[in-house]
Amino acid sequence: MSDTFLDEEQSSTEFPNVDSIQFEHRIYSDGASQQELMSGLMALATAIKYIQNTVAAIRREYGEDED
């Protein structure tokens, strides 16, 4: 799985300047299985939770209210 942080112009940027995030996990036909699909979904869920926790920590650090 890879992730890319994008700014307002959809250009790659560092995390503090992020406007959107893309996640990608490819499963090719020669490796496709129910286990591979579930592993990919769990990896995406873990990545999303990591991003949520990181944003919450940054907001706390800078004293911003969470939405």
N, C-alpha and C. Protein backbone atom coordinates (compact mmCIF):
# COMPACT_ATOMS: atom_id res chain seq x y z
N MET A 1 0.85 -1.16 0.00
CA MET A 1 0.00 0.00 0.00
C MET A 1 0.90 1.23 0.00
N SER A 2 0.46 2.22 -0.73
CA SER A 2 1.17 3.49 -0.71
C SER A 2 0.18 4.59 -0.39
N ASP A 3 0.70 5.69 0.13
CA ASP A 3 -0.15 6.84 0.36
C ASP A 3 0.55 8.07 -0.19
N THR A 4 -0.25 9.02 -0.62
CA THR A 4 0.25 10.25 -1.20
C THR A 4 -0.49 11.41 -0.57
N PHE A 5 0.24 12.39 -0.10
CA PHE A 5 -0.36 13.58 0.47
C PHE A 5 -0.40 14.64 -0.62
N LEU A 6 -1.57 15.25 -0.83
CA LEU A 6 -1.75 16.21 -1.91
C LEU A 6 -2.16 17.58 -1.37
N ASP A 7 -1.64 18.63 -2.02
CA ASP A 7 -2.05 19.98 -1.66
C ASP A 7 -3.27 20.40 -2.48
N GLU A 8 -3.65 21.66 -2.38
CA GLU A 8 -4.86 22.13 -3.07
C GLU A 8 -4.77 21.99 -4.59
N GLU A 9 -3.55 22.01 -5.14
CA GLU A 9 -3.37 21.86 -6.59
C GLU A 9 -3.18 20.40 -6.99
N GLN A 10 -3.42 19.47 -6.04
CA GLN A 10 -3.26 18.04 -6.28
C GLN A 10 -1.80 17.64 -6.54
N SER A 11 -0.86 18.43 -6.01
CA SER A 11 0.56 18.12 -6.11
C SER A 11 1.02 17.47 -4.82
N SER A 12 1.99 16.58 -4.92
CA SER A 12 2.52 15.90 -3.75
C SER A 12 3.10 16.91 -2.77
N THR A 13 2.84 16.71 -1.47
CA THR A 13 3.30 17.65 -0.45
C THR A 13 3.61 16.90 0.84
N GLU A 14 4.20 17.59 1.79
CA GLU A 14 4.47 17.04 3.11
C GLU A 14 3.18 17.06 3.94
N PHE A 15 3.10 16.22 4.95
CA PHE A 15 1.87 16.06 5.73
C PHE A 15 1.29 17.36 6.28
N PRO A 16 2.08 18.27 6.88
CA PRO A 16 1.46 19.47 7.45
C PRO A 16 0.72 20.35 6.43
N ASN A 17 1.05 20.22 5.15
CA ASN A 17 0.42 21.04 4.11
C ASN A 17 -0.64 20.29 3.33
N VAL A 18 -1.05 19.16 3.81
CA VAL A 18 -1.94 18.28 3.07
C VAL A 18 -3.35 18.86 2.95
N ASP A 19 -3.95 18.68 1.79
CA ASP A 19 -5.33 19.06 1.54
C ASP A 19 -6.18 17.81 1.33
N SER A 20 -5.58 16.76 0.76
CA SER A 20 -6.27 15.48 0.58
C SER A 20 -5.25 14.35 0.61
N ILE A 21 -5.74 13.15 0.82
CA ILE A 21 -4.88 11.97 0.92
C ILE A 21 -5.44 10.89 0.00
N GLN A 22 -4.56 10.25 -0.74
CA GLN A 22 -4.94 9.12 -1.58
C GLN A 22 -4.31 7.86 -1.02
N PHE A 23 -5.10 6.80 -0.93
CA PHE A 23 -4.60 5.49 -0.53
C PHE A 23 -4.73 4.57 -1.73
N GLU A 24 -3.75 3.70 -1.90
CA GLU A 24 -3.80 2.75 -3.00
C GLU A 24 -3.27 1.41 -2.52
N HIS A 25 -4.02 0.39 -2.82
CA HIS A 25 -3.58 -0.98 -2.53
C HIS A 25 -3.99 -1.82 -3.73
N ARG A 26 -3.02 -2.35 -4.41
CA ARG A 26 -3.31 -3.11 -5.62
C ARG A 26 -3.28 -4.60 -5.34
N ILE A 27 -4.27 -5.29 -5.86
CA ILE A 27 -4.31 -6.75 -5.80
C ILE A 27 -4.37 -7.24 -7.24
N TYR A 28 -3.35 -7.95 -7.64
CA TYR A 28 -3.29 -8.44 -9.01
C TYR A 28 -3.93 -9.82 -9.10
N SER A 29 -4.40 -10.15 -10.28
CA SER A 29 -5.17 -11.39 -10.46
C SER A 29 -4.41 -12.64 -10.03
N ASP A 30 -3.10 -12.66 -10.20
CA ASP A 30 -2.35 -13.85 -9.80
C ASP A 30 -2.20 -13.98 -8.28
N GLY A 31 -2.53 -12.92 -7.53
CA GLY A 31 -2.43 -12.98 -6.08
C GLY A 31 -3.75 -12.73 -5.39
N ALA A 32 -4.82 -12.68 -6.17
CA ALA A 32 -6.13 -12.36 -5.60
C ALA A 32 -6.67 -13.54 -4.80
N SER A 33 -7.09 -13.24 -3.59
CA SER A 33 -7.74 -14.23 -2.73
C SER A 33 -8.55 -13.47 -1.69
N GLN A 34 -9.42 -14.17 -1.02
CA GLN A 34 -10.20 -13.53 0.04
C GLN A 34 -9.27 -13.00 1.13
N GLN A 35 -8.24 -13.76 1.45
CA GLN A 35 -7.29 -13.33 2.49
C GLN A 35 -6.55 -12.06 2.06
N GLU A 36 -6.13 -12.00 0.80
CA GLU A 36 -5.43 -10.81 0.30
C GLU A 36 -6.35 -9.59 0.33
N LEU A 37 -7.60 -9.77 -0.05
CA LEU A 37 -8.57 -8.68 0.01
C LEU A 37 -8.76 -8.18 1.43
N MET A 38 -8.94 -9.10 2.37
CA MET A 38 -9.14 -8.72 3.77
C MET A 38 -7.88 -8.06 4.33
N SER A 39 -6.72 -8.56 3.97
CA SER A 39 -5.47 -7.94 4.43
C SER A 39 -5.35 -6.51 3.91
N GLY A 40 -5.73 -6.32 2.65
CA GLY A 40 -5.69 -4.98 2.07
C GLY A 40 -6.66 -4.03 2.74
N LEU A 41 -7.87 -4.50 3.02
CA LEU A 41 -8.86 -3.67 3.71
C LEU A 41 -8.40 -3.30 5.11
N MET A 42 -7.81 -4.25 5.82
CA MET A 42 -7.32 -3.97 7.16
C MET A 42 -6.15 -2.98 7.13
N ALA A 43 -5.29 -3.10 6.13
CA ALA A 43 -4.18 -2.15 5.99
C ALA A 43 -4.71 -0.74 5.74
N LEU A 44 -5.74 -0.63 4.90
CA LEU A 44 -6.34 0.69 4.65
C LEU A 44 -6.99 1.24 5.92
N ALA A 45 -7.70 0.40 6.64
CA ALA A 45 -8.35 0.85 7.89
C ALA A 45 -7.31 1.31 8.90
N THR A 46 -6.21 0.60 9.00
CA THR A 46 -5.13 0.98 9.91
C THR A 46 -4.53 2.32 9.50
N ALA A 47 -4.32 2.51 8.21
CA ALA A 47 -3.76 3.77 7.71
C ALA A 47 -4.71 4.94 7.99
N ILE A 48 -5.99 4.73 7.79
CA ILE A 48 -6.98 5.79 8.04
C ILE A 48 -6.99 6.15 9.52
N LYS A 49 -6.96 5.16 10.39
CA LYS A 49 -6.93 5.41 11.83
C LYS A 49 -5.66 6.17 12.23
N TYR A 50 -4.54 5.82 11.63
CA TYR A 50 -3.28 6.51 11.89
C TYR A 50 -3.41 7.99 11.52
N ILE A 51 -3.99 8.26 10.35
CA ILE A 51 -4.16 9.65 9.90
C ILE A 51 -5.09 10.40 10.87
N GLN A 52 -6.19 9.77 11.28
CA GLN A 52 -7.10 10.41 12.23
C GLN A 52 -6.38 10.74 13.53
N ASN A 53 -5.60 9.82 14.05
CA ASN A 53 -4.87 10.04 15.29
C ASN A 53 -3.82 11.14 15.14
N THR A 54 -3.14 11.17 14.00
CA THR A 54 -2.12 12.18 13.75
C THR A 54 -2.74 13.57 13.67
N VAL A 55 -3.86 13.68 12.96
CA VAL A 55 -4.55 14.98 12.86
C VAL A 55 -5.02 15.43 14.24
N ALA A 56 -5.57 14.52 15.03
CA ALA A 56 -6.02 14.87 16.37
C ALA A 56 -4.85 15.36 17.23
N ALA A 57 -3.70 14.70 17.12
CA ALA A 57 -2.52 15.10 17.89
C ALA A 57 -2.03 16.48 17.44
N ILE A 58 -2.03 16.74 16.15
CA ILE A 58 -1.60 18.04 15.64
C ILE A 58 -2.56 19.13 16.13
N ARG A 59 -3.86 18.85 16.09
CA ARG A 59 -4.84 19.83 16.57
C ARG A 59 -4.65 20.13 18.05
N ARG A 60 -4.39 19.08 18.83
CA ARG A 60 -4.16 19.28 20.26
C ARG A 60 -2.91 20.12 20.48
N GLU A 61 -1.87 19.84 19.71
CA GLU A 61 -0.60 20.55 19.85
C GLU A 61 -0.76 22.04 19.56
N TYR A 62 -1.59 22.36 18.58
CA TYR A 62 -1.78 23.76 18.19
C TYR A 62 -3.04 24.36 18.80
N GLY A 63 -3.71 23.61 19.69
CA GLY A 63 -4.86 24.14 20.41
C GLY A 63 -6.10 24.36 19.57
N GLU A 64 -6.24 23.62 18.48
CA GLU A 64 -7.41 23.76 17.63
C GLU A 64 -8.51 22.83 18.11
N ASP A 65 -9.76 23.24 17.94
CA ASP A 65 -10.90 22.40 18.29
C ASP A 65 -11.07 21.33 17.22
N GLU A 66 -11.46 20.12 17.65
CA GLU A 66 -11.75 19.06 16.71
C GLU A 66 -13.18 19.21 16.23
N ASP A 67 -13.43 18.90 14.94
CA ASP A 67 -14.77 18.99 14.36
C ASP A 67 -15.64 17.87 14.82
